[in-house]
Amino acid sequence: MENSTPKKNLTIKEGDAVLLCFEDEKSYLIEVTRGKRASIHCGRPILVDDWIGQPFGKKVVCEHGSGYLLKPTLEDLMMKASRESGIIYPKDAAFLIMKAGITNGSRVIEVGTGSGSLTMALAQTVAPNGHVYTYDRRTDLPKNAHKNVARAGLNDFVTFKQRQVSDPFDETGVDAIILDIPQPWEEVASVKRALRGGGRVVSLNPTFNQIEKMAEELRANGFILVESRELLEREILARGGKTRPVQRMIGHTEFMLFAVCPLDPTQA
């Protein structure tokens, strides 16, 4: 007979992040700490102590509603990250990771840590054998990213660093570099020195002017396969006899510009 005892990694432990999801689709990402009371929209704050040792998926009844204790996905962690700057949406992160060939074992540089949303996606992808080196010019902003990455349990795969524009990177021969900064063309020379032959660069920018200038700078520096994409996302309300798209959608978020660094002939 199959053992019905919940597996250890499927039960809630102190320090875990739990997604409390209600039947009206409102949800909260809550870190489980003894004595903590979580504020909710349908009644008085609830004590989280009772969640410890319970299986993920358990239903909880509140004062004016009920919800479920779910293990958060990477999408949940990204979209509910504590923000002090804009975030990269999961739709863009998933595509750029595939397009840049980032996998387990990849060494990746990120320029523009921000709130750490993309950092989490990169770290989960390169784990357990790769590493993400994330750089920001500010010393204060990445503190928030530290907390978001730690909550996702990905600390071991990320190194936070500080540098100014055009400073050389500490790493060389990396597989991919992701730029999420306003003037990425200022970093092309540094990017080229840090990438391995055949390595990929991705630049994330919201305007046509930015990606146009970056594309020309990449070509001028010998990069190949320069191309740009934009992804639009629309939710569909799937309901019996009245399925239709939602009236509002996630439209423009970022343009993604991709390029490949060919092998330097002197290294062949």
C-alpha atoms as a PDB file:
ATOM      1  CA  MET A   1       0.000   0.000   0.000  1.00  0.00           C
ATOM      2  CA  GLU A   2       1.284   3.461  -0.888  1.00  0.00           C
ATOM      3  CA  ASN A   3       2.368   5.551   2.076  1.00  0.00           C
ATOM      4  CA  SER A   4       0.044   8.577   2.410  1.00  0.00           C
ATOM      5  CA  THR A   5       2.298  10.467   4.847  1.00  0.00           C
ATOM      6  CA  PRO A   6       3.240  13.836   3.335  1.00  0.00           C
ATOM      7  CA  LYS A   7       6.826  14.016   2.107  1.00  0.00           C
ATOM      8  CA  LYS A   8       9.131  16.216   4.148  1.00  0.00           C
ATOM      9  CA  ASN A   9       9.720  18.696   1.326  1.00  0.00           C
ATOM     10  CA  LEU A  10       5.971  18.990   0.764  1.00  0.00           C
ATOM     11  CA  THR A  11       5.200  20.128   4.292  1.00  0.00           C
ATOM     12  CA  ILE A  12       5.450  23.687   5.514  1.00  0.00           C
ATOM     13  CA  LYS A  13       8.469  24.577   7.664  1.00  0.00           C
ATOM     14  CA  GLU A  14       9.290  27.712   9.592  1.00  0.00           C
ATOM     15  CA  GLY A  15      10.974  30.143   7.228  1.00  0.00           C
ATOM     16  CA  ASP A  16       9.159  28.836   4.149  1.00  0.00           C
ATOM     17  CA  ALA A  17       7.405  31.200   1.769  1.00  0.00           C
ATOM     18  CA  VAL A  18       3.760  30.201   1.391  1.00  0.00           C
ATOM     19  CA  LEU A  19       1.251  31.437  -1.147  1.00  0.00           C
ATOM     20  CA  LEU A  20      -2.096  31.903   0.599  1.00  0.00           C
ATOM     21  CA  CYS A  21      -4.558  31.826  -2.304  1.00  0.00           C
ATOM     22  CA  PHE A  22      -8.252  32.571  -1.797  1.00  0.00           C
ATOM     23  CA  GLU A  23     -11.191  31.362  -3.853  1.00  0.00           C
ATOM     24  CA  ASP A  24     -11.809  34.935  -5.087  1.00  0.00           C
ATOM     25  CA  GLU A  25      -8.283  34.780  -6.635  1.00  0.00           C
ATOM     26  CA  LYS A  26      -6.687  37.206  -4.182  1.00  0.00           C
ATOM     27  CA  SER A  27      -3.389  35.865  -2.896  1.00  0.00           C
ATOM     28  CA  TYR A  28      -0.594  36.719  -0.456  1.00  0.00           C
ATOM     29  CA  LEU A  29       3.023  35.585  -0.318  1.00  0.00           C
ATOM     30  CA  ILE A  30       3.778  35.058   3.368  1.00  0.00           C
ATOM     31  CA  GLU A  31       6.978  34.007   5.109  1.00  0.00           C
ATOM     32  CA  VAL A  32       6.127  31.578   7.889  1.00  0.00           C
ATOM     33  CA  THR A  33       7.456  32.808  11.223  1.00  0.00           C
ATOM     34  CA  ARG A  34       6.227  31.729  14.656  1.00  0.00           C
ATOM     35  CA  GLY A  35       4.021  34.355  16.258  1.00  0.00           C
ATOM     36  CA  LYS A  36       3.410  36.142  12.966  1.00  0.00           C
ATOM     37  CA  ARG A  37      -0.089  37.285  12.026  1.00  0.00           C
ATOM     38  CA  ALA A  38      -0.818  37.713   8.325  1.00  0.00           C
ATOM     39  CA  SER A  39      -3.192  40.474   7.255  1.00  0.00           C
ATOM     40  CA  ILE A  40      -5.848  39.360   4.777  1.00  0.00           C
ATOM     41  CA  HIS A  41      -8.780  40.986   2.975  1.00  0.00           C
ATOM     42  CA  CYS A  42     -11.513  38.748   4.344  1.00  0.00           C
ATOM     43  CA  GLY A  43     -11.277  38.993   8.107  1.00  0.00           C
ATOM     44  CA  ARG A  44      -8.926  39.548  10.970  1.00  0.00           C
ATOM     45  CA  PRO A  45      -5.200  38.765  10.627  1.00  0.00           C
ATOM     46  CA  ILE A  46      -4.527  35.045  10.924  1.00  0.00           C
ATOM     47  CA  LEU A  47      -1.812  33.370  12.994  1.00  0.00           C
ATOM     48  CA  VAL A  48       0.567  31.333  10.822  1.00  0.00           C
ATOM     49  CA  ASP A  49       1.901  29.053  13.592  1.00  0.00           C
ATOM     50  CA  ASP A  50      -0.657  26.367  12.758  1.00  0.00           C
ATOM     51  CA  TRP A  51       0.649  26.088   9.218  1.00  0.00           C
ATOM     52  CA  ILE A  52       3.985  24.628  10.336  1.00  0.00           C
ATOM     53  CA  GLY A  53       4.021  20.882   9.675  1.00  0.00           C
ATOM     54  CA  GLN A  54       0.947  21.040   7.449  1.00  0.00           C
ATOM     55  CA  PRO A  55       1.072  19.833   3.833  1.00  0.00           C
ATOM     56  CA  PHE A  56       1.059  22.288   0.958  1.00  0.00           C
ATOM     57  CA  GLY A  57      -2.369  22.367  -0.620  1.00  0.00           C
ATOM     58  CA  LYS A  58      -4.214  22.381   2.713  1.00  0.00           C
ATOM     59  CA  LYS A  59      -7.413  24.410   2.907  1.00  0.00           C
ATOM     60  CA  VAL A  60      -7.666  27.035   5.639  1.00  0.00           C
ATOM     61  CA  VAL A  61     -10.885  28.684   6.819  1.00  0.00           C
ATOM     62  CA  CYS A  62     -10.762  32.367   7.725  1.00  0.00           C
ATOM     63  CA  GLU A  63     -13.316  34.719   9.216  1.00  0.00           C
ATOM     64  CA  HIS A  64     -15.075  35.560   5.947  1.00  0.00           C
ATOM     65  CA  GLY A  65     -13.713  33.090   3.447  1.00  0.00           C
ATOM     66  CA  SER A  66     -11.342  30.213   2.824  1.00  0.00           C
ATOM     67  CA  GLY A  67      -8.081  29.738   1.016  1.00  0.00           C
ATOM     68  CA  TYR A  68      -5.296  27.282   0.283  1.00  0.00           C
ATOM     69  CA  LEU A  69      -1.682  27.061   1.421  1.00  0.00           C
ATOM     70  CA  LEU A  70       0.325  26.604  -1.771  1.00  0.00           C
ATOM     71  CA  LYS A  71       4.014  26.239  -2.530  1.00  0.00           C
ATOM     72  CA  PRO A  72       4.868  29.361  -4.566  1.00  0.00           C
ATOM     73  CA  THR A  73       6.134  28.935  -8.100  1.00  0.00           C
ATOM     74  CA  LEU A  74       8.931  31.006  -9.580  1.00  0.00           C
ATOM     75  CA  GLU A  75       6.259  33.136 -11.262  1.00  0.00           C
ATOM     76  CA  ASP A  76       4.681  33.849  -7.862  1.00  0.00           C
ATOM     77  CA  LEU A  77       8.046  34.812  -6.388  1.00  0.00           C
ATOM     78  CA  MET A  78       8.825  37.112  -9.315  1.00  0.00           C
ATOM     79  CA  MET A  79       5.467  38.863  -9.507  1.00  0.00           C
ATOM     80  CA  LYS A  80       5.203  39.288  -5.733  1.00  0.00           C
ATOM     81  CA  ALA A  81       8.821  40.332  -5.223  1.00  0.00           C
ATOM     82  CA  SER A  82       9.304  43.333  -2.979  1.00  0.00           C
ATOM     83  CA  ARG A  83       9.905  46.146  -5.455  1.00  0.00           C
ATOM     84  CA  GLU A  84      11.964  49.294  -5.392  1.00  0.00           C
ATOM     85  CA  SER A  85      12.179  49.335  -9.183  1.00  0.00           C
ATOM     86  CA  GLY A  86      10.367  47.774 -12.114  1.00  0.00           C
ATOM     87  CA  ILE A  87      10.608  44.022 -12.653  1.00  0.00           C
ATOM     88  CA  ILE A  88      11.117  41.768 -15.646  1.00  0.00           C
ATOM     89  CA  TYR A  89       7.907  39.809 -16.235  1.00  0.00           C
ATOM     90  CA  PRO A  90       7.949  35.994 -16.336  1.00  0.00           C
ATOM     91  CA  LYS A  91       6.873  35.975 -19.994  1.00  0.00           C
ATOM     92  CA  ASP A  92      10.021  37.867 -20.958  1.00  0.00           C
ATOM     93  CA  ALA A  93      12.337  36.068 -18.534  1.00  0.00           C
ATOM     94  CA  ALA A  94      11.323  32.617 -19.788  1.00  0.00           C
ATOM     95  CA  PHE A  95      11.850  33.536 -23.433  1.00  0.00           C
ATOM     96  CA  LEU A  96      15.198  35.263 -22.958  1.00  0.00           C
ATOM     97  CA  ILE A  97      16.534  32.344 -20.910  1.00  0.00           C
ATOM     98  CA  MET A  98      15.672  29.921 -23.718  1.00  0.00           C
ATOM     99  CA  LYS A  99      16.862  32.264 -26.476  1.00  0.00           C
ATOM    100  CA  ALA A 100      20.183  32.905 -24.702  1.00  0.00           C
ATOM    101  CA  GLY A 101      20.777  29.177 -24.191  1.00  0.00           C
ATOM    102  CA  ILE A 102      20.995  29.494 -20.407  1.00  0.00           C
ATOM    103  CA  THR A 103      20.814  26.111 -18.659  1.00  0.00           C
ATOM    104  CA  ASN A 104      22.068  24.253 -15.602  1.00  0.00           C
ATOM    105  CA  GLY A 105      25.786  24.978 -15.351  1.00  0.00           C
ATOM    106  CA  SER A 106      25.746  28.283 -17.228  1.00  0.00           C
ATOM    107  CA  ARG A 107      27.763  31.228 -15.939  1.00  0.00           C
ATOM    108  CA  VAL A 108      25.736  34.389 -16.402  1.00  0.00           C
ATOM    109  CA  ILE A 109      26.366  38.081 -15.754  1.00  0.00           C
ATOM    110  CA  GLU A 110      23.384  40.329 -15.079  1.00  0.00           C
ATOM    111  CA  VAL A 111      23.861  44.104 -15.279  1.00  0.00           C
ATOM    112  CA  GLY A 112      21.146  46.024 -13.454  1.00  0.00           C
ATOM    113  CA  THR A 113      20.077  43.943 -10.456  1.00  0.00           C
ATOM    114  CA  GLY A 114      17.068  46.087  -9.590  1.00  0.00           C
ATOM    115  CA  SER A 115      14.574  44.202  -7.419  1.00  0.00           C
ATOM    116  CA  GLY A 116      16.042  40.812  -8.310  1.00  0.00           C
ATOM    117  CA  SER A 117      13.091  39.426 -10.252  1.00  0.00           C
ATOM    118  CA  LEU A 118      15.173  38.343 -13.254  1.00  0.00           C
ATOM    119  CA  THR A 119      18.007  37.359 -10.913  1.00  0.00           C
ATOM    120  CA  MET A 120      15.737  34.701  -9.380  1.00  0.00           C
ATOM    121  CA  ALA A 121      14.762  33.319 -12.779  1.00  0.00           C
ATOM    122  CA  LEU A 122      18.384  33.129 -13.895  1.00  0.00           C
ATOM    123  CA  ALA A 123      19.525  31.523 -10.645  1.00  0.00           C
ATOM    124  CA  GLN A 124      16.867  28.814 -10.726  1.00  0.00           C
ATOM    125  CA  THR A 125      17.842  28.015 -14.316  1.00  0.00           C
ATOM    126  CA  VAL A 126      21.611  27.745 -13.797  1.00  0.00           C
ATOM    127  CA  ALA A 127      21.329  25.781 -10.525  1.00  0.00           C
ATOM    128  CA  PRO A 128      22.830  23.598  -9.205  1.00  0.00           C
ATOM    129  CA  ASN A 129      26.051  23.749 -11.223  1.00  0.00           C
ATOM    130  CA  GLY A 130      26.084  27.294 -12.591  1.00  0.00           C
ATOM    131  CA  HIS A 131      26.201  30.781 -11.145  1.00  0.00           C
ATOM    132  CA  VAL A 132      24.788  34.267 -11.631  1.00  0.00           C
ATOM    133  CA  TYR A 133      26.959  37.341 -11.063  1.00  0.00           C
ATOM    134  CA  THR A 134      24.638  40.313 -10.752  1.00  0.00           C
ATOM    135  CA  TYR A 135      26.024  43.852 -10.905  1.00  0.00           C
ATOM    136  CA  ASP A 136      24.441  47.168 -10.004  1.00  0.00           C
ATOM    137  CA  ARG A 137      25.963  50.637  -9.810  1.00  0.00           C
ATOM    138  CA  ARG A 138      23.939  51.461  -6.687  1.00  0.00           C
ATOM    139  CA  THR A 139      24.844  50.101  -3.268  1.00  0.00           C
ATOM    140  CA  ASP A 140      21.404  50.595  -1.690  1.00  0.00           C
ATOM    141  CA  LEU A 141      18.937  49.134  -4.208  1.00  0.00           C
ATOM    142  CA  PRO A 142      20.260  45.532  -4.350  1.00  0.00           C
ATOM    143  CA  LYS A 143      19.573  45.104  -0.620  1.00  0.00           C
ATOM    144  CA  ASN A 144      15.958  44.489  -1.573  1.00  0.00           C
ATOM    145  CA  ALA A 145      17.048  42.016  -4.248  1.00  0.00           C
ATOM    146  CA  HIS A 146      19.065  40.163  -1.593  1.00  0.00           C
ATOM    147  CA  LYS A 147      15.852  39.612   0.381  1.00  0.00           C
ATOM    148  CA  ASN A 148      13.894  38.441  -2.661  1.00  0.00           C
ATOM    149  CA  VAL A 149      16.587  35.983  -3.734  1.00  0.00           C
ATOM    150  CA  ALA A 150      16.938  34.649  -0.179  1.00  0.00           C
ATOM    151  CA  ARG A 151      13.177  34.131   0.108  1.00  0.00           C
ATOM    152  CA  ALA A 152      13.340  32.059  -3.067  1.00  0.00           C
ATOM    153  CA  GLY A 153      16.100  29.891  -1.544  1.00  0.00           C
ATOM    154  CA  LEU A 154      18.563  30.769  -4.331  1.00  0.00           C
ATOM    155  CA  ASN A 155      21.346  32.524  -2.392  1.00  0.00           C
ATOM    156  CA  ASP A 156      23.935  29.861  -3.174  1.00  0.00           C
ATOM    157  CA  PHE A 157      23.728  30.530  -6.897  1.00  0.00           C
ATOM    158  CA  VAL A 158      24.002  34.328  -6.881  1.00  0.00           C
ATOM    159  CA  THR A 159      26.854  36.731  -6.171  1.00  0.00           C
ATOM    160  CA  PHE A 160      25.914  40.405  -5.777  1.00  0.00           C
ATOM    161  CA  LYS A 161      28.481  42.944  -6.963  1.00  0.00           C
ATOM    162  CA  GLN A 162      28.813  46.691  -7.437  1.00  0.00           C
ATOM    163  CA  ARG A 163      30.441  48.456 -10.380  1.00  0.00           C
ATOM    164  CA  GLN A 164      30.203  51.587 -12.502  1.00  0.00           C
ATOM    165  CA  VAL A 165      29.490  51.854 -16.211  1.00  0.00           C
ATOM    166  CA  SER A 166      32.305  50.536 -18.457  1.00  0.00           C
ATOM    167  CA  ASP A 167      34.275  49.053 -15.558  1.00  0.00           C
ATOM    168  CA  PRO A 168      35.627  45.616 -16.519  1.00  0.00           C
ATOM    169  CA  PHE A 169      33.794  42.614 -15.144  1.00  0.00           C
ATOM    170  CA  ASP A 170      35.597  40.323 -12.733  1.00  0.00           C
ATOM    171  CA  GLU A 171      34.507  37.299 -14.775  1.00  0.00           C
ATOM    172  CA  THR A 172      35.585  36.224 -18.257  1.00  0.00           C
ATOM    173  CA  GLY A 173      34.472  33.429 -20.559  1.00  0.00           C
ATOM    174  CA  VAL A 174      30.865  33.640 -19.384  1.00  0.00           C
ATOM    175  CA  ASP A 175      28.028  32.080 -21.354  1.00  0.00           C
ATOM    176  CA  ALA A 176      25.582  34.981 -21.354  1.00  0.00           C
ATOM    177  CA  ILE A 177      25.243  38.605 -20.255  1.00  0.00           C
ATOM    178  CA  ILE A 178      21.890  40.259 -19.608  1.00  0.00           C
ATOM    179  CA  LEU A 179      21.720  44.064 -19.637  1.00  0.00           C
ATOM    180  CA  ASP A 180      18.785  45.838 -18.008  1.00  0.00           C
ATOM    181  CA  ILE A 181      20.067  49.405 -18.002  1.00  0.00           C
ATOM    182  CA  PRO A 182      19.050  52.631 -19.775  1.00  0.00           C
ATOM    183  CA  GLN A 183      22.188  53.014 -21.938  1.00  0.00           C
ATOM    184  CA  PRO A 184      23.409  49.485 -22.724  1.00  0.00           C
ATOM    185  CA  TRP A 185      25.584  50.640 -25.660  1.00  0.00           C
ATOM    186  CA  GLU A 186      28.038  52.028 -23.111  1.00  0.00           C
ATOM    187  CA  GLU A 187      28.727  48.459 -21.949  1.00  0.00           C
ATOM    188  CA  VAL A 188      29.352  46.737 -25.295  1.00  0.00           C
ATOM    189  CA  ALA A 189      33.169  46.784 -25.043  1.00  0.00           C
ATOM    190  CA  SER A 190      33.069  45.339 -21.506  1.00  0.00           C
ATOM    191  CA  VAL A 191      30.511  42.744 -22.571  1.00  0.00           C
ATOM    192  CA  LYS A 192      32.659  41.609 -25.480  1.00  0.00           C
ATOM    193  CA  ARG A 193      35.694  41.110 -23.220  1.00  0.00           C
ATOM    194  CA  ALA A 194      33.693  39.039 -20.718  1.00  0.00           C
ATOM    195  CA  LEU A 195      31.800  36.719 -23.092  1.00  0.00           C
ATOM    196  CA  ARG A 196      33.180  33.448 -24.415  1.00  0.00           C
ATOM    197  CA  GLY A 197      33.174  32.850 -28.150  1.00  0.00           C
ATOM    198  CA  GLY A 198      29.592  32.105 -29.129  1.00  0.00           C
ATOM    199  CA  GLY A 199      28.297  33.635 -25.913  1.00  0.00           C
ATOM    200  CA  ARG A 200      24.988  35.525 -25.962  1.00  0.00           C
ATOM    201  CA  VAL A 201      24.054  39.042 -24.937  1.00  0.00           C
ATOM    202  CA  VAL A 202      20.504  40.192 -24.208  1.00  0.00           C
ATOM    203  CA  SER A 203      19.557  43.836 -23.777  1.00  0.00           C
ATOM    204  CA  LEU A 204      16.226  44.786 -22.207  1.00  0.00           C
ATOM    205  CA  ASN A 205      14.840  48.236 -22.982  1.00  0.00           C
ATOM    206  CA  PRO A 206      11.382  49.824 -23.222  1.00  0.00           C
ATOM    207  CA  THR A 207      11.845  52.152 -26.225  1.00  0.00           C
ATOM    208  CA  PHE A 208      12.583  51.807 -29.939  1.00  0.00           C
ATOM    209  CA  ASN A 209      15.347  54.408 -29.738  1.00  0.00           C
ATOM    210  CA  GLN A 210      17.258  52.370 -27.153  1.00  0.00           C
ATOM    211  CA  ILE A 211      17.175  49.066 -29.009  1.00  0.00           C
ATOM    212  CA  GLU A 212      17.992  50.754 -32.330  1.00  0.00           C
ATOM    213  CA  LYS A 213      21.110  52.409 -30.916  1.00  0.00           C
ATOM    214  CA  MET A 214      22.139  49.208 -29.113  1.00  0.00           C
ATOM    215  CA  ALA A 215      21.683  47.086 -32.234  1.00  0.00           C
ATOM    216  CA  GLU A 216      23.938  49.361 -34.267  1.00  0.00           C
ATOM    217  CA  GLU A 217      26.580  49.422 -31.535  1.00  0.00           C
ATOM    218  CA  LEU A 218      26.606  45.627 -31.360  1.00  0.00           C
ATOM    219  CA  ARG A 219      27.022  45.306 -35.132  1.00  0.00           C
ATOM    220  CA  ALA A 220      29.805  47.893 -35.110  1.00  0.00           C
ATOM    221  CA  ASN A 221      31.643  45.741 -32.554  1.00  0.00           C
ATOM    222  CA  GLY A 222      31.374  42.549 -34.593  1.00  0.00           C
ATOM    223  CA  PHE A 223      28.403  40.886 -32.917  1.00  0.00           C
ATOM    224  CA  ILE A 224      26.281  38.657 -35.153  1.00  0.00           C
ATOM    225  CA  LEU A 225      22.666  37.440 -35.314  1.00  0.00           C
ATOM    226  CA  VAL A 226      21.337  40.708 -33.936  1.00  0.00           C
ATOM    227  CA  GLU A 227      17.573  40.542 -33.562  1.00  0.00           C
ATOM    228  CA  SER A 228      14.821  41.936 -31.351  1.00  0.00           C
ATOM    229  CA  ARG A 229      11.533  40.548 -30.036  1.00  0.00           C
ATOM    230  CA  GLU A 230       8.518  41.766 -28.105  1.00  0.00           C
ATOM    231  CA  LEU A 231       6.062  39.462 -26.326  1.00  0.00           C
ATOM    232  CA  LEU A 232       2.464  40.358 -25.532  1.00  0.00           C
ATOM    233  CA  GLU A 233       0.433  38.388 -23.004  1.00  0.00           C
ATOM    234  CA  ARG A 234      -3.367  38.125 -22.859  1.00  0.00           C
ATOM    235  CA  GLU A 235      -5.378  36.181 -20.295  1.00  0.00           C
ATOM    236  CA  ILE A 236      -8.417  34.177 -21.413  1.00  0.00           C
ATOM    237  CA  LEU A 237     -11.452  33.836 -19.137  1.00  0.00           C
ATOM    238  CA  ALA A 238     -12.316  30.157 -19.530  1.00  0.00           C
ATOM    239  CA  ARG A 239     -15.928  29.763 -18.409  1.00  0.00           C
ATOM    240  CA  GLY A 240     -18.727  27.482 -19.543  1.00  0.00           C
ATOM    241  CA  GLY A 241     -20.485  29.016 -22.557  1.00  0.00           C
ATOM    242  CA  LYS A 242     -18.879  32.457 -22.185  1.00  0.00           C
ATOM    243  CA  THR A 243     -15.130  32.094 -22.674  1.00  0.00           C
ATOM    244  CA  ARG A 244     -13.488  35.293 -23.900  1.00  0.00           C
ATOM    245  CA  PRO A 245     -10.314  37.352 -23.521  1.00  0.00           C
ATOM    246  CA  VAL A 246     -10.053  39.700 -20.548  1.00  0.00           C
ATOM    247  CA  GLN A 247     -10.636  43.350 -21.353  1.00  0.00           C
ATOM    248  CA  ARG A 248      -7.237  44.383 -20.017  1.00  0.00           C
ATOM    249  CA  MET A 249      -3.959  42.709 -20.856  1.00  0.00           C
ATOM    250  CA  ILE A 250      -0.237  42.967 -20.239  1.00  0.00           C
ATOM    251  CA  GLY A 251       0.853  44.866 -23.307  1.00  0.00           C
ATOM    252  CA  HIS A 252       4.294  46.367 -23.806  1.00  0.00           C
ATOM    253  CA  THR A 253       6.798  45.648 -21.060  1.00  0.00           C
ATOM    254  CA  GLU A 254      10.254  45.377 -22.642  1.00  0.00           C
ATOM    255  CA  PHE A 255      11.873  44.948 -26.023  1.00  0.00           C
ATOM    256  CA  MET A 256      14.437  42.148 -25.965  1.00  0.00           C
ATOM    257  CA  LEU A 257      17.497  42.545 -28.171  1.00  0.00           C
ATOM    258  CA  PHE A 258      19.643  39.448 -28.769  1.00  0.00           C
ATOM    259  CA  ALA A 259      23.104  39.029 -30.273  1.00  0.00           C
ATOM    260  CA  VAL A 260      25.963  36.515 -30.414  1.00  0.00           C
ATOM    261  CA  CYS A 261      29.627  37.213 -29.742  1.00  0.00           C
ATOM    262  CA  PRO A 262      31.761  35.362 -32.332  1.00  0.00           C
ATOM    263  CA  LEU A 263      35.076  33.836 -31.366  1.00  0.00           C
ATOM    264  CA  ASP A 264      37.935  36.317 -31.417  1.00  0.00           C
ATOM    265  CA  PRO A 265      40.328  35.148 -34.191  1.00  0.00           C
ATOM    266  CA  THR A 266      43.253  35.674 -31.843  1.00  0.00           C
ATOM    267  CA  GLN A 267      41.732  33.070 -29.494  1.00  0.00           C
ATOM    268  CA  ALA A 268      41.113  30.442 -32.158  1.00  0.00           C
END
